[in-house]
Amino acid sequence: MHRSAGFALAALLLTIGTSATAVAGTSPRAAEPARAAALTRLHATSAHAFVDSTGARHLLIGPNLQPVWDADDTDTWDQATYDSIKAKGFTAVRMVLFWDLFQPTEAEWNETAFATLAAAVERAKAAGLYVVLDCVHMSGDSDGQEHVPDWARVDPDDTTEGLDAVVENGLGFLQTIANRYKDEPAIAAYDPVNEPFRTSTRSARLMSDYTRIVNAIRAKDGVTSIMLEPSYGDAKVPASSFSSLTPTSRTNLIWSIHDYYNGDSKSGYTAGYNDGTGLGMDPNPSDGTTGYDPANKAALAAHLQVQIDTASEQGMPVWIGEFGIGNGATGHDQYIKDKVALYKSKGIDYAWWEYYSDGGNGPFSMVDENDAWRSWVSLIP
């Protein structure tokens, strides 16, 4: 299920296949390429999410991908997977992490999970791909706490919400991630909390939460960019709420949204938008089945501009952490074409949801059950 008019899958479909290799002749993985040139440290400006020390802009476009599959197993995507992603024209991956795999108890770190993540980052780096770490991927039941460790969970009520589990109990995990990757130029940004579960009318409180989160990360890593998200997907955040965002430094902050809007007025910010929940009345393509009418193309730009203006007023660039539409949905390919053209016209980088799910049969899966690229993937880079 999804929480908003532009939200990531609340119940992840990241079911991992039994083999990391594909059927000969059908695999998207080409012959082993030469190793990529060393990646350089990136930072954010008010206009662009990723810029190097010379001022040159880097376009970070790629899939969402889950690198750690099991708490007790180091099996993960092989080097050929990342090489194939790079060869397809992508420049980055957003790695989806589940907190409960890394910290089973308050006083215990699972070094197996950390070792698996380290291998994944090294393979992405070797392929020439930057990495955005989606550190605490909130989703699912109990106010997004499906992958929050049992010891860290909170009991949601009128005042306590899922994000409180992270703010009260997860800062140590975020600091551990930051401490381990502070000197790694392949890490383009930390996205500390995916779709933080905070009621949309409490957006000022959300910004206070982000103040604590940013300061905690900055205590360990003063350089790597940090992403902030609205409560759900692309929920509106009033300008007044940002007065509660008071970290020690606002340098290298990026506004990241999940954009599944299809132009339907009742799933946008106009007719039917609920300021209290951040939800539209009609479903959108985040459900894997809702399609797209190309006649609504102009509405896509107007909708996105709301978020661009919000970020611009705060001196932050925008990055699309997720967008997608279910395979076979009406208007599927045109939706991708129109979204990608819009992002490029606005100078915004983006990530597709998702590389692989449900044995290659998931609605958003970029590869099929044989690990072969779906034909429409070429529309994304």
Protein backbone atom coordinates (compact mmCIF):
# COMPACT_ATOMS: atom_id res chain seq x y z
CA MET A 1 0.00 0.00 0.00
CA HIS A 2 1.05 3.60 -0.52
CA ARG A 3 0.74 6.53 1.78
CA SER A 4 0.40 9.42 -0.69
CA ALA A 5 -0.07 10.90 -4.08
CA GLY A 6 3.57 10.24 -4.78
CA PHE A 7 4.83 7.72 -2.37
CA ALA A 8 7.22 4.86 -2.45
CA LEU A 9 5.94 1.36 -2.00
CA ALA A 10 4.93 1.07 1.61
CA ALA A 11 5.34 -2.66 1.43
CA LEU A 12 8.57 -3.19 -0.47
CA LEU A 13 8.56 -5.74 -3.23
CA LEU A 14 12.29 -6.27 -3.01
CA THR A 15 12.14 -10.05 -3.14
CA ILE A 16 15.55 -11.30 -4.13
CA GLY A 17 16.06 -13.90 -6.83
CA THR A 18 17.83 -17.16 -6.19
CA SER A 19 20.65 -16.44 -8.62
CA ALA A 20 22.84 -13.44 -9.31
CA THR A 21 23.56 -14.63 -12.84
CA ALA A 22 21.33 -14.67 -15.88
CA VAL A 23 20.50 -17.04 -18.69
CA ALA A 24 23.19 -16.89 -21.36
CA GLY A 25 22.26 -14.58 -24.19
CA THR A 26 19.49 -12.81 -22.28
CA SER A 27 21.37 -11.11 -19.45
CA PRO A 28 21.65 -7.32 -19.35
CA ARG A 29 25.20 -7.81 -18.09
CA ALA A 30 27.74 -7.25 -20.79
CA ALA A 31 31.29 -8.52 -20.88
CA GLU A 32 33.48 -7.23 -18.07
CA PRO A 33 34.31 -3.60 -18.91
CA ALA A 34 37.44 -1.73 -17.98
CA ARG A 35 37.28 -0.32 -14.47
CA ALA A 36 35.79 3.15 -14.25
CA ALA A 37 37.84 6.23 -13.47
CA ALA A 38 37.99 7.25 -9.82
CA LEU A 39 34.94 9.09 -8.57
CA THR A 40 35.37 12.58 -7.21
CA ARG A 41 33.76 14.12 -4.14
CA LEU A 42 30.47 15.86 -4.90
CA HIS A 43 28.61 18.58 -3.07
CA ALA A 44 25.32 20.46 -3.46
CA THR A 45 24.62 24.01 -4.51
CA SER A 46 21.33 25.88 -4.36
CA ALA A 47 20.79 25.12 -8.04
CA HIS A 48 22.18 21.62 -8.50
CA ALA A 49 22.18 18.54 -6.30
CA PHE A 50 25.57 17.21 -7.38
CA VAL A 51 28.56 19.35 -8.35
CA ASP A 52 32.29 18.62 -8.12
CA SER A 53 35.08 20.85 -6.83
CA THR A 54 35.52 22.48 -10.24
CA GLY A 55 31.87 23.50 -10.36
CA ALA A 56 31.01 20.92 -12.99
CA ARG A 57 27.57 19.42 -12.61
CA HIS A 58 27.17 15.65 -12.36
CA LEU A 59 23.89 14.04 -13.42
CA LEU A 60 22.99 11.27 -10.98
CA ILE A 61 20.39 9.03 -12.59
CA GLY A 62 19.76 5.39 -11.77
CA PRO A 63 17.66 2.76 -10.04
CA ASN A 64 16.69 2.09 -6.46
CA LEU A 65 18.29 -1.16 -5.39
CA GLN A 66 18.41 -3.21 -2.19
CA PRO A 67 21.99 -4.36 -1.48
CA VAL A 68 21.57 -6.23 1.83
CA TRP A 69 19.15 -9.13 1.55
CA ASP A 70 19.66 -11.08 4.76
CA ALA A 71 21.06 -10.27 8.19
CA ASP A 72 23.20 -13.41 8.27
CA ASP A 73 24.30 -13.75 4.64
CA THR A 74 26.74 -11.68 2.60
CA ASP A 75 25.16 -12.64 -0.73
CA THR A 76 24.42 -9.53 -2.77
CA TRP A 77 24.45 -8.20 -6.33
CA ASP A 78 27.64 -9.13 -8.16
CA GLN A 79 30.02 -6.80 -9.95
CA ALA A 80 28.39 -7.61 -13.29
CA THR A 81 25.10 -6.16 -12.04
CA TYR A 82 26.64 -2.77 -11.36
CA ASP A 83 28.64 -2.88 -14.58
CA SER A 84 25.41 -3.55 -16.45
CA ILE A 85 23.66 -0.64 -14.74
CA LYS A 86 26.52 1.64 -15.75
CA ALA A 87 26.57 0.27 -19.31
CA LYS A 88 22.85 1.00 -19.61
CA GLY A 89 23.63 4.69 -19.22
CA PHE A 90 23.04 5.18 -15.50
CA THR A 91 25.39 7.05 -13.20
CA ALA A 92 24.15 6.22 -9.71
CA VAL A 93 22.16 3.86 -7.52
CA ARG A 94 20.02 4.65 -4.50
CA MET A 95 20.71 1.85 -2.04
CA VAL A 96 17.68 0.95 0.10
CA LEU A 97 18.71 -0.11 3.61
CA PHE A 98 16.67 -1.78 6.34
CA TRP A 99 17.73 -0.65 9.80
CA ASP A 100 16.70 -3.88 11.52
CA LEU A 101 19.28 -5.86 9.54
CA PHE A 102 22.10 -3.67 10.85
CA GLN A 103 21.23 -3.16 14.52
CA PRO A 104 19.29 -6.10 15.97
CA THR A 105 19.68 -4.81 19.53
CA GLU A 106 20.47 -1.37 20.91
CA ALA A 107 24.01 -2.39 21.85
CA GLU A 108 24.77 -4.66 18.88
CA TRP A 109 25.94 -3.97 15.34
CA ASN A 110 25.55 -6.70 12.76
CA GLU A 111 28.93 -6.63 11.03
CA THR A 112 27.71 -9.12 8.43
CA ALA A 113 25.23 -6.56 7.12
CA PHE A 114 27.82 -3.80 7.21
CA ALA A 115 30.28 -6.01 5.31
CA THR A 116 27.64 -6.72 2.67
CA LEU A 117 26.92 -3.03 2.28
CA ALA A 118 30.64 -2.28 2.02
CA ALA A 119 30.97 -4.82 -0.79
CA ALA A 120 27.99 -3.30 -2.61
CA VAL A 121 29.40 0.22 -2.36
CA GLU A 122 32.78 -0.97 -3.63
CA ARG A 123 31.18 -2.71 -6.60
CA ALA A 124 29.12 0.33 -7.48
CA LYS A 125 32.22 2.47 -7.18
CA ALA A 126 34.25 0.10 -9.36
CA ALA A 127 31.55 0.40 -12.03
CA GLY A 128 31.72 4.18 -11.88
CA LEU A 129 28.39 4.61 -10.10
CA TYR A 130 27.75 7.05 -7.30
CA VAL A 131 25.68 5.89 -4.33
CA VAL A 132 22.89 7.57 -2.40
CA LEU A 133 22.34 5.73 0.89
CA ASP A 134 18.67 5.48 1.84
CA CYS A 135 19.63 4.77 5.43
CA VAL A 136 16.34 4.09 7.22
CA HIS A 137 13.75 2.99 4.71
CA MET A 138 10.45 3.55 6.50
CA SER A 139 7.55 1.63 4.96
CA GLY A 140 4.78 -0.78 5.78
CA ASP A 141 2.66 -1.32 8.84
CA SER A 142 2.82 0.29 12.26
CA ASP A 143 3.43 3.77 10.91
CA GLY A 144 6.28 2.79 8.61
CA GLN A 145 8.13 0.70 11.17
CA GLU A 146 8.19 -2.56 9.22
CA HIS A 147 12.00 -2.53 9.10
CA VAL A 148 12.64 -0.72 12.37
CA PRO A 149 14.30 -3.02 14.95
CA ASP A 150 11.86 -4.34 17.53
CA TRP A 151 13.79 -2.70 20.36
CA ALA A 152 13.55 0.74 18.70
CA ARG A 153 9.88 0.76 17.74
CA VAL A 154 7.35 3.16 19.22
CA ASP A 155 3.62 2.75 19.79
CA PRO A 156 1.88 5.26 17.51
CA ASP A 157 -0.86 7.36 19.06
CA ASP A 158 -2.20 10.89 18.71
CA THR A 159 1.22 12.43 19.35
CA THR A 160 3.73 9.64 18.76
CA GLU A 161 4.41 8.61 15.15
CA GLY A 162 6.72 6.25 13.31
CA LEU A 163 9.42 8.86 12.75
CA ASP A 164 9.85 9.13 16.51
CA ALA A 165 11.49 5.70 16.46
CA VAL A 166 14.26 7.14 14.30
CA VAL A 167 14.61 10.47 16.07
CA GLU A 168 14.66 8.93 19.54
CA ASN A 169 16.46 5.66 18.84
CA GLY A 170 18.06 5.78 15.40
CA LEU A 171 20.51 8.66 15.49
CA GLY A 172 23.27 6.29 16.58
CA PHE A 173 22.67 4.16 13.49
CA LEU A 174 22.78 7.20 11.22
CA GLN A 175 26.00 8.33 12.89
CA THR A 176 27.52 4.88 12.44
CA ILE A 177 26.74 4.98 8.72
CA ALA A 178 28.18 8.48 8.45
CA ASN A 179 31.32 7.59 10.39
CA ARG A 180 32.00 4.60 8.14
CA TYR A 181 31.49 6.49 4.87
CA LYS A 182 32.63 10.02 5.66
CA ASP A 183 35.78 9.60 3.57
CA GLU A 184 34.17 7.74 0.68
CA PRO A 185 33.72 9.98 -2.40
CA ALA A 186 31.42 7.41 -4.03
CA ILE A 187 28.76 8.29 -1.44
CA ALA A 188 27.02 11.23 -3.09
CA ALA A 189 24.51 11.76 -0.28
CA TYR A 190 22.79 10.31 2.74
CA ASP A 191 18.99 10.11 2.51
CA PRO A 192 18.59 9.47 6.23
CA VAL A 193 14.88 8.62 6.38
CA ASN A 194 12.69 7.46 3.52
CA GLU A 195 9.24 9.06 3.62
CA PRO A 196 9.45 9.96 7.31
CA PHE A 197 6.16 9.08 8.94
CA ARG A 198 5.04 12.43 10.35
CA THR A 199 1.52 13.76 9.78
CA SER A 200 1.59 16.43 7.09
CA THR A 201 0.05 19.06 9.38
CA ARG A 202 3.05 18.57 11.66
CA SER A 203 5.58 19.64 9.05
CA ALA A 204 7.18 22.14 11.42
CA ARG A 205 7.82 19.26 13.79
CA LEU A 206 9.25 17.30 10.86
CA MET A 207 11.73 20.10 10.25
CA SER A 208 12.68 20.04 13.94
CA ASP A 209 13.23 16.31 13.59
CA TYR A 210 15.47 16.93 10.60
CA THR A 211 17.44 19.47 12.63
CA ARG A 212 18.35 16.69 15.07
CA ILE A 213 19.04 14.22 12.26
CA VAL A 214 21.29 16.60 10.30
CA ASN A 215 23.21 17.66 13.40
CA ALA A 216 23.76 14.02 14.38
CA ILE A 217 25.17 13.16 10.96
CA ARG A 218 27.26 16.32 10.82
CA ALA A 219 28.89 15.37 14.12
CA LYS A 220 30.49 12.47 12.23
CA ASP A 221 30.60 13.71 8.63
CA GLY A 222 30.80 17.41 7.92
CA VAL A 223 30.99 17.10 4.14
CA THR A 224 28.67 14.56 2.49
CA SER A 225 25.34 15.94 1.31
CA ILE A 226 22.18 15.12 3.27
CA MET A 227 18.72 14.76 1.77
CA LEU A 228 15.49 15.93 3.38
CA GLU A 229 12.09 14.58 2.38
CA PRO A 230 8.52 15.72 3.03
CA SER A 231 6.39 13.51 5.25
CA TYR A 232 5.19 11.40 2.36
CA GLY A 233 6.42 11.27 -1.22
CA ASP A 234 5.60 14.71 -2.56
CA ALA A 235 3.48 16.15 0.24
CA LYS A 236 3.45 19.94 0.45
CA VAL A 237 5.46 21.63 3.19
CA PRO A 238 4.51 25.25 3.98
CA ALA A 239 7.35 27.74 3.85
CA SER A 240 6.63 28.69 7.47
CA SER A 241 7.54 25.17 8.62
CA PHE A 242 11.15 25.62 7.52
CA SER A 243 11.69 28.11 10.33
CA SER A 244 11.99 24.98 12.47
CA LEU A 245 14.87 23.69 10.35
CA THR A 246 17.82 25.05 12.31
CA PRO A 247 20.80 22.72 11.95
CA THR A 248 24.27 23.96 12.78
CA SER A 249 24.87 24.26 9.04
CA ARG A 250 22.55 24.21 6.04
CA THR A 251 25.41 23.51 3.66
CA ASN A 252 24.97 20.55 1.30
CA LEU A 253 21.29 19.92 1.94
CA ILE A 254 19.11 18.52 -0.86
CA TRP A 255 15.30 18.43 -1.07
CA SER A 256 14.27 14.98 -2.27
CA ILE A 257 10.76 13.99 -3.30
CA HIS A 258 9.10 10.88 -4.71
CA ASP A 259 7.17 11.86 -7.82
CA TYR A 260 4.45 9.48 -8.97
CA TYR A 261 2.00 12.18 -10.02
CA ASN A 262 0.18 11.39 -13.27
CA GLY A 263 -1.61 14.68 -13.88
CA ASP A 264 -4.97 13.63 -12.40
CA SER A 265 -6.31 16.75 -10.67
CA LYS A 266 -7.72 14.69 -7.82
CA SER A 267 -4.34 13.18 -7.00
CA GLY A 268 -2.46 16.48 -7.19
CA TYR A 269 -2.41 19.69 -5.17
CA THR A 270 -5.70 21.12 -6.40
CA ALA A 271 -9.07 19.34 -6.37
CA GLY A 272 -9.20 16.74 -3.66
CA TYR A 273 -5.82 17.31 -2.03
CA ASN A 274 -5.95 16.81 1.73
CA ASP A 275 -3.53 19.09 3.55
CA GLY A 276 -3.94 17.01 6.69
CA THR A 277 -2.85 13.71 5.20
CA GLY A 278 -0.82 14.83 2.20
CA LEU A 279 -2.99 12.54 0.07
CA GLY A 280 -4.95 13.05 -3.11
CA MET A 281 -8.38 11.52 -3.59
CA ASP A 282 -7.45 9.38 -6.59
CA PRO A 283 -4.69 6.78 -6.74
CA ASN A 284 -1.57 7.35 -8.78
CA PRO A 285 1.02 5.10 -10.46
CA SER A 286 2.74 4.34 -7.15
CA ASP A 287 0.18 1.54 -6.73
CA GLY A 288 1.64 -0.32 -9.70
CA THR A 289 -1.58 -0.37 -11.72
CA THR A 290 -2.81 3.22 -12.18
CA GLY A 291 -1.92 4.57 -15.60
CA TYR A 292 -1.34 7.88 -17.32
CA ASP A 293 -3.26 10.01 -19.81
CA PRO A 294 -0.80 12.00 -21.97
CA ALA A 295 -3.40 14.75 -22.16
CA ASN A 296 -2.38 15.58 -18.57
CA LYS A 297 1.23 16.32 -19.50
CA ALA A 298 1.06 20.03 -18.68
CA ALA A 299 -0.13 19.25 -15.16
CA LEU A 300 3.06 17.30 -14.46
CA ALA A 301 5.15 20.45 -14.75
CA ALA A 302 2.82 22.58 -12.62
CA HIS A 303 2.83 19.91 -9.91
CA LEU A 304 6.61 19.58 -9.84
CA GLN A 305 7.06 23.34 -9.79
CA VAL A 306 5.44 23.48 -6.35
CA GLN A 307 8.31 21.41 -4.97
CA ILE A 308 10.96 23.26 -6.97
CA ASP A 309 9.71 26.56 -5.57
CA THR A 310 9.64 25.17 -2.04
CA ALA A 311 13.24 24.03 -2.32
CA SER A 312 14.43 27.19 -4.05
CA GLU A 313 13.04 29.38 -1.28
CA GLN A 314 15.17 27.39 1.16
CA GLY A 315 18.31 27.46 -0.97
CA MET A 316 18.15 23.75 -1.76
CA PRO A 317 18.26 21.85 -5.05
CA VAL A 318 15.79 19.06 -5.86
CA TRP A 319 16.49 15.38 -6.47
CA ILE A 320 13.78 12.86 -7.39
CA GLY A 321 14.51 9.89 -5.14
CA GLU A 322 11.76 7.78 -6.70
CA PHE A 323 9.48 7.83 -9.70
CA GLY A 324 7.85 5.01 -11.64
CA ILE A 325 4.79 3.44 -13.18
CA GLY A 326 3.72 -0.19 -13.23
CA ASN A 327 4.75 -2.33 -16.20
CA GLY A 328 1.74 -2.69 -18.49
CA ALA A 329 -0.14 0.27 -17.02
CA THR A 330 -1.96 2.49 -19.52
CA GLY A 331 0.35 5.12 -20.97
CA HIS A 332 3.40 3.47 -19.39
CA ASP A 333 6.07 4.43 -21.92
CA GLN A 334 4.71 7.91 -22.55
CA TYR A 335 4.66 8.56 -18.81
CA ILE A 336 8.36 7.77 -18.63
CA LYS A 337 9.10 9.93 -21.67
CA ASP A 338 7.15 12.89 -20.30
CA LYS A 339 8.60 12.62 -16.80
CA VAL A 340 12.18 12.28 -17.98
CA ALA A 341 11.80 15.18 -20.43
CA LEU A 342 10.36 17.31 -17.63
CA TYR A 343 13.17 16.47 -15.20
CA LYS A 344 15.83 17.19 -17.79
CA SER A 345 14.20 20.49 -18.73
CA LYS A 346 14.35 21.52 -15.08
CA GLY A 347 17.91 20.28 -14.55
CA ILE A 348 16.82 17.70 -11.98
CA ASP A 349 18.38 14.26 -11.44
CA TYR A 350 16.23 11.25 -10.62
CA ALA A 351 16.00 7.58 -9.62
CA TRP A 352 13.60 4.91 -10.84
CA TRP A 353 11.71 2.68 -8.42
CA GLU A 354 13.11 -0.05 -8.72
CA TYR A 355 15.81 -2.26 -10.22
CA TYR A 356 14.36 -5.64 -9.26
CA SER A 357 11.40 -6.99 -7.34
CA ASP A 358 9.23 -10.07 -6.95
CA GLY A 359 11.50 -12.39 -8.91
CA GLY A 360 11.64 -9.91 -11.78
CA ASN A 361 7.85 -9.87 -12.02
CA GLY A 362 7.22 -6.82 -9.83
CA PRO A 363 5.31 -3.97 -11.48
CA PHE A 364 8.29 -1.60 -11.39
CA SER A 365 11.10 -4.11 -11.92
CA MET A 366 13.55 -2.92 -14.54
CA VAL A 367 14.74 -6.47 -15.22
CA ASP A 368 12.72 -9.61 -15.79
CA GLU A 369 12.93 -13.07 -14.24
CA ASN A 370 16.03 -13.77 -16.37
CA ASP A 371 17.71 -10.54 -15.26
CA ALA A 372 17.26 -9.13 -18.76
CA TRP A 373 16.53 -5.43 -19.09
CA ARG A 374 12.96 -4.59 -19.98
CA SER A 375 12.72 -2.74 -23.28
CA TRP A 376 11.38 0.47 -21.78
CA VAL A 377 14.40 0.96 -19.48
CA SER A 378 16.22 2.69 -22.33
CA LEU A 379 13.74 5.55 -21.93
CA ILE A 380 14.99 6.39 -18.43
CA PRO A 381 18.65 7.56 -18.65
